Amino acid sequence: MNLQPEDLRKIIQQILFEDSSQIGCTECFKVLDQFAEIKLAGNVPALVMPMVQEHLNHCDNCREEFVMLLDALKALHDNHG
């Protein structure tokens, strides 16, 4: 098996940050839309969903997904508002 540096970084990150109080990418992705909607409503999503915020603080991939989703939702809102 030939692992790329990015693959190794992800594995190490999962080991370092994995504990029972955190969620994984799958769980984060399932609620990312709700997290974004809370933010768009002007609230602080980290207060409502702290484990999602914690995951986004450590996971580049999910954070990038969140930013893209947030941008898309803002664009939809601007076009319909």
PDB file of N, CA and C in Angstrom:
ATOM      1  N   MET A   1       0.851  -1.172   0.000  1.00  0.00           N
ATOM      2  CA  MET A   1       0.000   0.000   0.000  1.00  0.00           C
ATOM      3  C   MET A   1       0.898   1.237   0.000  1.00  0.00           C
ATOM      4  N   ASN A   2       0.641   2.140  -0.920  1.00  0.00           N
ATOM      5  CA  ASN A   2       1.435   3.355  -1.066  1.00  0.00           C
ATOM      6  C   ASN A   2       0.598   4.548  -0.627  1.00  0.00           C
ATOM      7  N   LEU A   3       0.851   5.048   0.583  1.00  0.00           N
ATOM      8  CA  LEU A   3       0.092   6.170   1.114  1.00  0.00           C
ATOM      9  C   LEU A   3       0.742   7.489   0.721  1.00  0.00           C
ATOM     10  N   GLN A   4      -0.082   8.418   0.342  1.00  0.00           N
ATOM     11  CA  GLN A   4       0.369   9.762   0.018  1.00  0.00           C
ATOM     12  C   GLN A   4       0.480  10.563   1.319  1.00  0.00           C
ATOM     13  N   PRO A   5       1.278  11.634   1.324  1.00  0.00           N
ATOM     14  CA  PRO A   5       1.404  12.455   2.540  1.00  0.00           C
ATOM     15  C   PRO A   5       0.053  12.933   3.090  1.00  0.00           C
ATOM     16  N   GLU A   6      -0.867  13.282   2.204  1.00  0.00           N
ATOM     17  CA  GLU A   6      -2.191  13.739   2.658  1.00  0.00           C
ATOM     18  C   GLU A   6      -2.943  12.618   3.374  1.00  0.00           C
ATOM     19  N   ASP A   7      -2.829  11.391   2.881  1.00  0.00           N
ATOM     20  CA  ASP A   7      -3.466  10.244   3.526  1.00  0.00           C
ATOM     21  C   ASP A   7      -2.895  10.022   4.919  1.00  0.00           C
ATOM     22  N   LEU A   8      -1.585  10.114   5.028  1.00  0.00           N
ATOM     23  CA  LEU A   8      -0.935   9.953   6.333  1.00  0.00           C
ATOM     24  C   LEU A   8      -1.363  11.049   7.298  1.00  0.00           C
ATOM     25  N   ARG A   9      -1.467  12.286   6.808  1.00  0.00           N
ATOM     26  CA  ARG A   9      -1.894  13.399   7.652  1.00  0.00           C
ATOM     27  C   ARG A   9      -3.293  13.145   8.200  1.00  0.00           C
ATOM     28  N   LYS A  10      -4.185  12.648   7.345  1.00  0.00           N
ATOM     29  CA  LYS A  10      -5.556  12.374   7.782  1.00  0.00           C
ATOM     30  C   LYS A  10      -5.595  11.274   8.835  1.00  0.00           C
ATOM     31  N   ILE A  11      -4.815  10.239   8.628  1.00  0.00           N
ATOM     32  CA  ILE A  11      -4.777   9.138   9.596  1.00  0.00           C
ATOM     33  C   ILE A  11      -4.258   9.624  10.935  1.00  0.00           C
ATOM     34  N   ILE A  12      -3.172  10.385  10.916  1.00  0.00           N
ATOM     35  CA  ILE A  12      -2.607  10.915  12.156  1.00  0.00           C
ATOM     36  C   ILE A  12      -3.593  11.848  12.836  1.00  0.00           C
ATOM     37  N   GLN A  13      -4.259  12.687  12.057  1.00  0.00           N
ATOM     38  CA  GLN A  13      -5.244  13.612  12.612  1.00  0.00           C
ATOM     39  C   GLN A  13      -6.381  12.854  13.286  1.00  0.00           C
ATOM     40  N   GLN A  14      -6.848  11.787  12.660  1.00  0.00           N
ATOM     41  CA  GLN A  14      -7.934  11.002  13.239  1.00  0.00           C
ATOM     42  C   GLN A  14      -7.507  10.366  14.553  1.00  0.00           C
ATOM     43  N   ILE A  15      -6.289   9.877  14.602  1.00  0.00           N
ATOM     44  CA  ILE A  15      -5.795   9.257  15.832  1.00  0.00           C
ATOM     45  C   ILE A  15      -5.660  10.292  16.941  1.00  0.00           C
ATOM     46  N   LEU A  16      -5.087  11.440  16.623  1.00  0.00           N
ATOM     47  CA  LEU A  16      -4.851  12.465  17.637  1.00  0.00           C
ATOM     48  C   LEU A  16      -6.128  13.066  18.190  1.00  0.00           C
ATOM     49  N   PHE A  17      -7.126  13.243  17.337  1.00  0.00           N
ATOM     50  CA  PHE A  17      -8.321  13.967  17.755  1.00  0.00           C
ATOM     51  C   PHE A  17      -9.519  13.067  18.031  1.00  0.00           C
ATOM     52  N   GLU A  18      -9.322  11.770  17.962  1.00  0.00           N
ATOM     53  CA  GLU A  18     -10.451  10.879  18.163  1.00  0.00           C
ATOM     54  C   GLU A  18     -10.673  10.636  19.647  1.00  0.00           C
ATOM     55  N   ASP A  19     -11.834  10.975  20.104  1.00  0.00           N
ATOM     56  CA  ASP A  19     -12.283  10.596  21.436  1.00  0.00           C
ATOM     57  C   ASP A  19     -13.801  10.579  21.420  1.00  0.00           C
ATOM     58  N   SER A  20     -14.394  10.138  22.494  1.00  0.00           N
ATOM     59  CA  SER A  20     -15.840   9.929  22.508  1.00  0.00           C
ATOM     60  C   SER A  20     -16.637  11.222  22.472  1.00  0.00           C
ATOM     61  N   SER A  21     -15.984  12.356  22.724  1.00  0.00           N
ATOM     62  CA  SER A  21     -16.710  13.624  22.719  1.00  0.00           C
ATOM     63  C   SER A  21     -16.670  14.295  21.353  1.00  0.00           C
ATOM     64  N   GLN A  22     -16.036  13.651  20.371  1.00  0.00           N
ATOM     65  CA  GLN A  22     -15.944  14.242  19.048  1.00  0.00           C
ATOM     66  C   GLN A  22     -16.712  13.411  18.038  1.00  0.00           C
ATOM     67  N   ILE A  23     -17.022  14.040  16.923  1.00  0.00           N
ATOM     68  CA  ILE A  23     -17.720  13.348  15.851  1.00  0.00           C
ATOM     69  C   ILE A  23     -16.773  13.201  14.666  1.00  0.00           C
ATOM     70  N   GLY A  24     -17.111  12.279  13.787  1.00  0.00           N
ATOM     71  CA  GLY A  24     -16.317  12.065  12.590  1.00  0.00           C
ATOM     72  C   GLY A  24     -16.891  12.825  11.413  1.00  0.00           C
ATOM     73  N   CYS A  25     -16.249  12.655  10.280  1.00  0.00           N
ATOM     74  CA  CYS A  25     -16.675  13.347   9.063  1.00  0.00           C
ATOM     75  C   CYS A  25     -18.096  12.983   8.655  1.00  0.00           C
ATOM     76  N   THR A  26     -18.454  11.714   8.771  1.00  0.00           N
ATOM     77  CA  THR A  26     -19.793  11.283   8.372  1.00  0.00           C
ATOM     78  C   THR A  26     -20.861  11.969   9.206  1.00  0.00           C
ATOM     79  N   GLU A  27     -20.664  11.989  10.510  1.00  0.00           N
ATOM     80  CA  GLU A  27     -21.637  12.629  11.402  1.00  0.00           C
ATOM     81  C   GLU A  27     -21.688  14.129  11.147  1.00  0.00           C
ATOM     82  N   CYS A  28     -20.533  14.723  10.930  1.00  0.00           N
ATOM     83  CA  CYS A  28     -20.470  16.160  10.662  1.00  0.00           C
ATOM     84  C   CYS A  28     -21.224  16.491   9.377  1.00  0.00           C
ATOM     85  N   PHE A  29     -20.947  15.731   8.332  1.00  0.00           N
ATOM     86  CA  PHE A  29     -21.561  16.003   7.037  1.00  0.00           C
ATOM     87  C   PHE A  29     -23.086  15.900   7.100  1.00  0.00           C
ATOM     88  N   LYS A  30     -23.597  14.995   7.929  1.00  0.00           N
ATOM     89  CA  LYS A  30     -25.051  14.803   8.045  1.00  0.00           C
ATOM     90  C   LYS A  30     -25.762  16.041   8.580  1.00  0.00           C
ATOM     91  N   VAL A  31     -25.074  16.854   9.368  1.00  0.00           N
ATOM     92  CA  VAL A  31     -25.718  18.014   9.989  1.00  0.00           C
ATOM     93  C   VAL A  31     -25.136  19.340   9.530  1.00  0.00           C
ATOM     94  N   LEU A  32     -24.257  19.299   8.536  1.00  0.00           N
ATOM     95  CA  LEU A  32     -23.594  20.513   8.076  1.00  0.00           C
ATOM     96  C   LEU A  32     -24.587  21.540   7.551  1.00  0.00           C
ATOM     97  N   ASP A  33     -25.659  21.079   6.907  1.00  0.00           N
ATOM     98  CA  ASP A  33     -26.662  22.012   6.401  1.00  0.00           C
ATOM     99  C   ASP A  33     -27.356  22.747   7.542  1.00  0.00           C
ATOM    100  N   GLN A  34     -27.653  22.030   8.616  1.00  0.00           N
ATOM    101  CA  GLN A  34     -28.278  22.661   9.784  1.00  0.00           C
ATOM    102  C   GLN A  34     -27.334  23.673  10.423  1.00  0.00           C
ATOM    103  N   PHE A  35     -26.067  23.309  10.507  1.00  0.00           N
ATOM    104  CA  PHE A  35     -25.047  24.195  11.068  1.00  0.00           C
ATOM    105  C   PHE A  35     -24.966  25.485  10.254  1.00  0.00           C
ATOM    106  N   ALA A  36     -24.992  25.347   8.931  1.00  0.00           N
ATOM    107  CA  ALA A  36     -24.931  26.510   8.036  1.00  0.00           C
ATOM    108  C   ALA A  36     -26.184  27.374   8.173  1.00  0.00           C
ATOM    109  N   GLU A  37     -27.338  26.752   8.266  1.00  0.00           N
ATOM    110  CA  GLU A  37     -28.591  27.502   8.405  1.00  0.00           C
ATOM    111  C   GLU A  37     -28.610  28.306   9.701  1.00  0.00           C
ATOM    112  N   ILE A  38     -28.090  27.724  10.766  1.00  0.00           N
ATOM    113  CA  ILE A  38     -28.017  28.437  12.047  1.00  0.00           C
ATOM    114  C   ILE A  38     -27.145  29.679  11.895  1.00  0.00           C
ATOM    115  N   LYS A  39     -26.010  29.528  11.221  1.00  0.00           N
ATOM    116  CA  LYS A  39     -25.109  30.652  10.999  1.00  0.00           C
ATOM    117  C   LYS A  39     -25.772  31.719  10.131  1.00  0.00           C
ATOM    118  N   LEU A  40     -26.452  31.293   9.061  1.00  0.00           N
ATOM    119  CA  LEU A  40     -27.119  32.250   8.179  1.00  0.00           C
ATOM    120  C   LEU A  40     -28.239  33.007   8.886  1.00  0.00           C
ATOM    121  N   ALA A  41     -28.822  32.382   9.897  1.00  0.00           N
ATOM    122  CA  ALA A  41     -29.895  33.024  10.657  1.00  0.00           C
ATOM    123  C   ALA A  41     -29.340  34.064  11.634  1.00  0.00           C
ATOM    124  N   GLY A  42     -28.012  34.189  11.680  1.00  0.00           N
ATOM    125  CA  GLY A  42     -27.401  35.182  12.559  1.00  0.00           C
ATOM    126  C   GLY A  42     -27.099  34.669  13.952  1.00  0.00           C
ATOM    127  N   ASN A  43     -27.228  33.371  14.144  1.00  0.00           N
ATOM    128  CA  ASN A  43     -26.936  32.775  15.440  1.00  0.00           C
ATOM    129  C   ASN A  43     -25.517  32.212  15.449  1.00  0.00           C
ATOM    130  N   VAL A  44     -25.099  31.710  16.579  1.00  0.00           N
ATOM    131  CA  VAL A  44     -23.765  31.133  16.726  1.00  0.00           C
ATOM    132  C   VAL A  44     -23.917  29.612  16.747  1.00  0.00           C
ATOM    133  N   PRO A  45     -23.638  28.962  15.616  1.00  0.00           N
ATOM    134  CA  PRO A  45     -23.861  27.515  15.547  1.00  0.00           C
ATOM    135  C   PRO A  45     -22.996  26.722  16.523  1.00  0.00           C
ATOM    136  N   ALA A  46     -21.842  27.245  16.900  1.00  0.00           N
ATOM    137  CA  ALA A  46     -20.971  26.532  17.836  1.00  0.00           C
ATOM    138  C   ALA A  46     -21.632  26.356  19.204  1.00  0.00           C
ATOM    139  N   LEU A  47     -22.532  27.279  19.564  1.00  0.00           N
ATOM    140  CA  LEU A  47     -23.240  27.144  20.842  1.00  0.00           C
ATOM    141  C   LEU A  47     -24.280  26.038  20.786  1.00  0.00           C
ATOM    142  N   VAL A  48     -24.875  25.847  19.615  1.00  0.00           N
ATOM    143  CA  VAL A  48     -25.924  24.842  19.443  1.00  0.00           C
ATOM    144  C   VAL A  48     -25.326  23.480  19.115  1.00  0.00           C
ATOM    145  N   MET A  49     -24.255  23.482  18.344  1.00  0.00           N
ATOM    146  CA  MET A  49     -23.645  22.244  17.871  1.00  0.00           C
ATOM    147  C   MET A  49     -22.130  22.294  18.097  1.00  0.00           C
ATOM    148  N   PRO A  50     -21.700  22.261  19.362  1.00  0.00           N
ATOM    149  CA  PRO A  50     -20.274  22.424  19.643  1.00  0.00           C
ATOM    150  C   PRO A  50     -19.390  21.316  19.065  1.00  0.00           C
ATOM    151  N   MET A  51     -19.903  20.091  18.972  1.00  0.00           N
ATOM    152  CA  MET A  51     -19.079  19.010  18.428  1.00  0.00           C
ATOM    153  C   MET A  51     -18.831  19.203  16.939  1.00  0.00           C
ATOM    154  N   VAL A  52     -19.793  19.783  16.230  1.00  0.00           N
ATOM    155  CA  VAL A  52     -19.597  20.069  14.813  1.00  0.00           C
ATOM    156  C   VAL A  52     -18.531  21.153  14.667  1.00  0.00           C
ATOM    157  N   GLN A  53     -18.620  22.196  15.479  1.00  0.00           N
ATOM    158  CA  GLN A  53     -17.612  23.255  15.431  1.00  0.00           C
ATOM    159  C   GLN A  53     -16.228  22.705  15.735  1.00  0.00           C
ATOM    160  N   GLU A  54     -16.140  21.854  16.732  1.00  0.00           N
ATOM    161  CA  GLU A  54     -14.856  21.257  17.091  1.00  0.00           C
ATOM    162  C   GLU A  54     -14.298  20.442  15.920  1.00  0.00           C
ATOM    163  N   HIS A  55     -15.168  19.694  15.264  1.00  0.00           N
ATOM    164  CA  HIS A  55     -14.725  18.912  14.110  1.00  0.00           C
ATOM    165  C   HIS A  55     -14.238  19.834  12.990  1.00  0.00           C
ATOM    166  N   LEU A  56     -14.974  20.893  12.725  1.00  0.00           N
ATOM    167  CA  LEU A  56     -14.577  21.827  11.671  1.00  0.00           C
ATOM    168  C   LEU A  56     -13.248  22.506  11.997  1.00  0.00           C
ATOM    169  N   ASN A  57     -12.967  22.696  13.267  1.00  0.00           N
ATOM    170  CA  ASN A  57     -11.700  23.304  13.677  1.00  0.00           C
ATOM    171  C   ASN A  57     -10.502  22.426  13.317  1.00  0.00           C
ATOM    172  N   HIS A  58     -10.738  21.118  13.210  1.00  0.00           N
ATOM    173  CA  HIS A  58      -9.634  20.176  12.998  1.00  0.00           C
ATOM    174  C   HIS A  58      -9.652  19.483  11.648  1.00  0.00           C
ATOM    175  N   CYS A  59     -10.725  19.604  10.902  1.00  0.00           N
ATOM    176  CA  CYS A  59     -10.846  18.848   9.654  1.00  0.00           C
ATOM    177  C   CYS A  59     -10.933  19.806   8.460  1.00  0.00           C
ATOM    178  N   ASP A  60      -9.855  19.866   7.712  1.00  0.00           N
ATOM    179  CA  ASP A  60      -9.815  20.757   6.551  1.00  0.00           C
ATOM    180  C   ASP A  60     -10.891  20.422   5.525  1.00  0.00           C
ATOM    181  N   ASN A  61     -11.098  19.127   5.284  1.00  0.00           N
ATOM    182  CA  ASN A  61     -12.078  18.724   4.267  1.00  0.00           C
ATOM    183  C   ASN A  61     -13.491  19.158   4.626  1.00  0.00           C
ATOM    184  N   CYS A  62     -13.896  18.901   5.850  1.00  0.00           N
ATOM    185  CA  CYS A  62     -15.253  19.277   6.262  1.00  0.00           C
ATOM    186  C   CYS A  62     -15.394  20.797   6.336  1.00  0.00           C
ATOM    187  N   ARG A  63     -14.341  21.473   6.768  1.00  0.00           N
ATOM    188  CA  ARG A  63     -14.381  22.934   6.822  1.00  0.00           C
ATOM    189  C   ARG A  63     -14.548  23.520   5.420  1.00  0.00           C
ATOM    190  N   GLU A  64     -13.851  22.952   4.443  1.00  0.00           N
ATOM    191  CA  GLU A  64     -14.000  23.402   3.058  1.00  0.00           C
ATOM    192  C   GLU A  64     -15.415  23.151   2.550  1.00  0.00           C
ATOM    193  N   GLU A  65     -15.977  21.992   2.883  1.00  0.00           N
ATOM    194  CA  GLU A  65     -17.365  21.681   2.499  1.00  0.00           C
ATOM    195  C   GLU A  65     -18.320  22.693   3.117  1.00  0.00           C
ATOM    196  N   PHE A  66     -18.077  23.026   4.391  1.00  0.00           N
ATOM    197  CA  PHE A  66     -18.932  23.980   5.090  1.00  0.00           C
ATOM    198  C   PHE A  66     -18.884  25.346   4.414  1.00  0.00           C
ATOM    199  N   VAL A  67     -17.684  25.807   4.084  1.00  0.00           N
ATOM    200  CA  VAL A  67     -17.536  27.120   3.444  1.00  0.00           C
ATOM    201  C   VAL A  67     -18.254  27.135   2.096  1.00  0.00           C
ATOM    202  N   MET A  68     -18.101  26.070   1.318  1.00  0.00           N
ATOM    203  CA  MET A  68     -18.776  26.008   0.014  1.00  0.00           C
ATOM    204  C   MET A  68     -20.293  25.976   0.179  1.00  0.00           C
ATOM    205  N   LEU A  69     -20.766  25.211   1.148  1.00  0.00           N
ATOM    206  CA  LEU A  69     -22.207  25.141   1.408  1.00  0.00           C
ATOM    207  C   LEU A  69     -22.731  26.496   1.857  1.00  0.00           C
ATOM    208  N   LEU A  70     -22.022  27.136   2.748  1.00  0.00           N
ATOM    209  CA  LEU A  70     -22.430  28.446   3.242  1.00  0.00           C
ATOM    210  C   LEU A  70     -22.485  29.462   2.101  1.00  0.00           C
ATOM    211  N   ASP A  71     -21.474  29.450   1.241  1.00  0.00           N
ATOM    212  CA  ASP A  71     -21.460  30.356   0.089  1.00  0.00           C
ATOM    213  C   ASP A  71     -22.641  30.090  -0.838  1.00  0.00           C
ATOM    214  N   ALA A  72     -22.944  28.816  -1.075  1.00  0.00           N
ATOM    215  CA  ALA A  72     -24.065  28.462  -1.947  1.00  0.00           C
ATOM    216  C   ALA A  72     -25.394  28.909  -1.340  1.00  0.00           C
ATOM    217  N   LEU A  73     -25.558  28.695  -0.044  1.00  0.00           N
ATOM    218  CA  LEU A  73     -26.796  29.110   0.617  1.00  0.00           C
ATOM    219  C   LEU A  73     -26.942  30.628   0.627  1.00  0.00           C
ATOM    220  N   LYS A  74     -25.840  31.340   0.826  1.00  0.00           N
ATOM    221  CA  LYS A  74     -25.882  32.802   0.768  1.00  0.00           C
ATOM    222  C   LYS A  74     -26.297  33.273  -0.614  1.00  0.00           C
ATOM    223  N   ALA A  75     -25.744  32.642  -1.654  1.00  0.00           N
ATOM    224  CA  ALA A  75     -26.089  33.005  -3.033  1.00  0.00           C
ATOM    225  C   ALA A  75     -27.574  32.759  -3.307  1.00  0.00           C
ATOM    226  N   LEU A  76     -28.087  31.618  -2.833  1.00  0.00           N
ATOM    227  CA  LEU A  76     -29.510  31.324  -2.999  1.00  0.00           C
ATOM    228  C   LEU A  76     -30.360  32.360  -2.288  1.00  0.00           C
ATOM    229  N   HIS A  77     -29.970  32.703  -1.080  1.00  0.00           N
ATOM    230  CA  HIS A  77     -30.704  33.675  -0.292  1.00  0.00           C
ATOM    231  C   HIS A  77     -30.691  35.044  -0.982  1.00  0.00           C
ATOM    232  N   ASP A  78     -29.520  35.441  -1.490  1.00  0.00           N
ATOM    233  CA  ASP A  78     -29.400  36.737  -2.164  1.00  0.00           C
ATOM    234  C   ASP A  78     -30.238  36.793  -3.418  1.00  0.00           C
ATOM    235  N   ASN A  79     -30.342  35.696  -4.130  1.00  0.00           N
ATOM    236  CA  ASN A  79     -31.123  35.649  -5.387  1.00  0.00           C
ATOM    237  C   ASN A  79     -32.621  35.606  -5.138  1.00  0.00           C
ATOM    238  N   HIS A  80     -33.016  35.137  -3.935  1.00  0.00           N
ATOM    239  CA  HIS A  80     -34.451  35.040  -3.644  1.00  0.00           C
ATOM    240  C   HIS A  80     -34.902  36.072  -2.617  1.00  0.00           C
ATOM    241  N   GLY A  81     -33.999  36.853  -2.132  1.00  0.00           N
ATOM    242  CA  GLY A  81     -34.327  37.802  -1.072  1.00  0.00           C
ATOM    243  C   GLY A  81     -34.487  39.149  -1.584  1.00  0.00           C
TER     244      GLY A  81
END
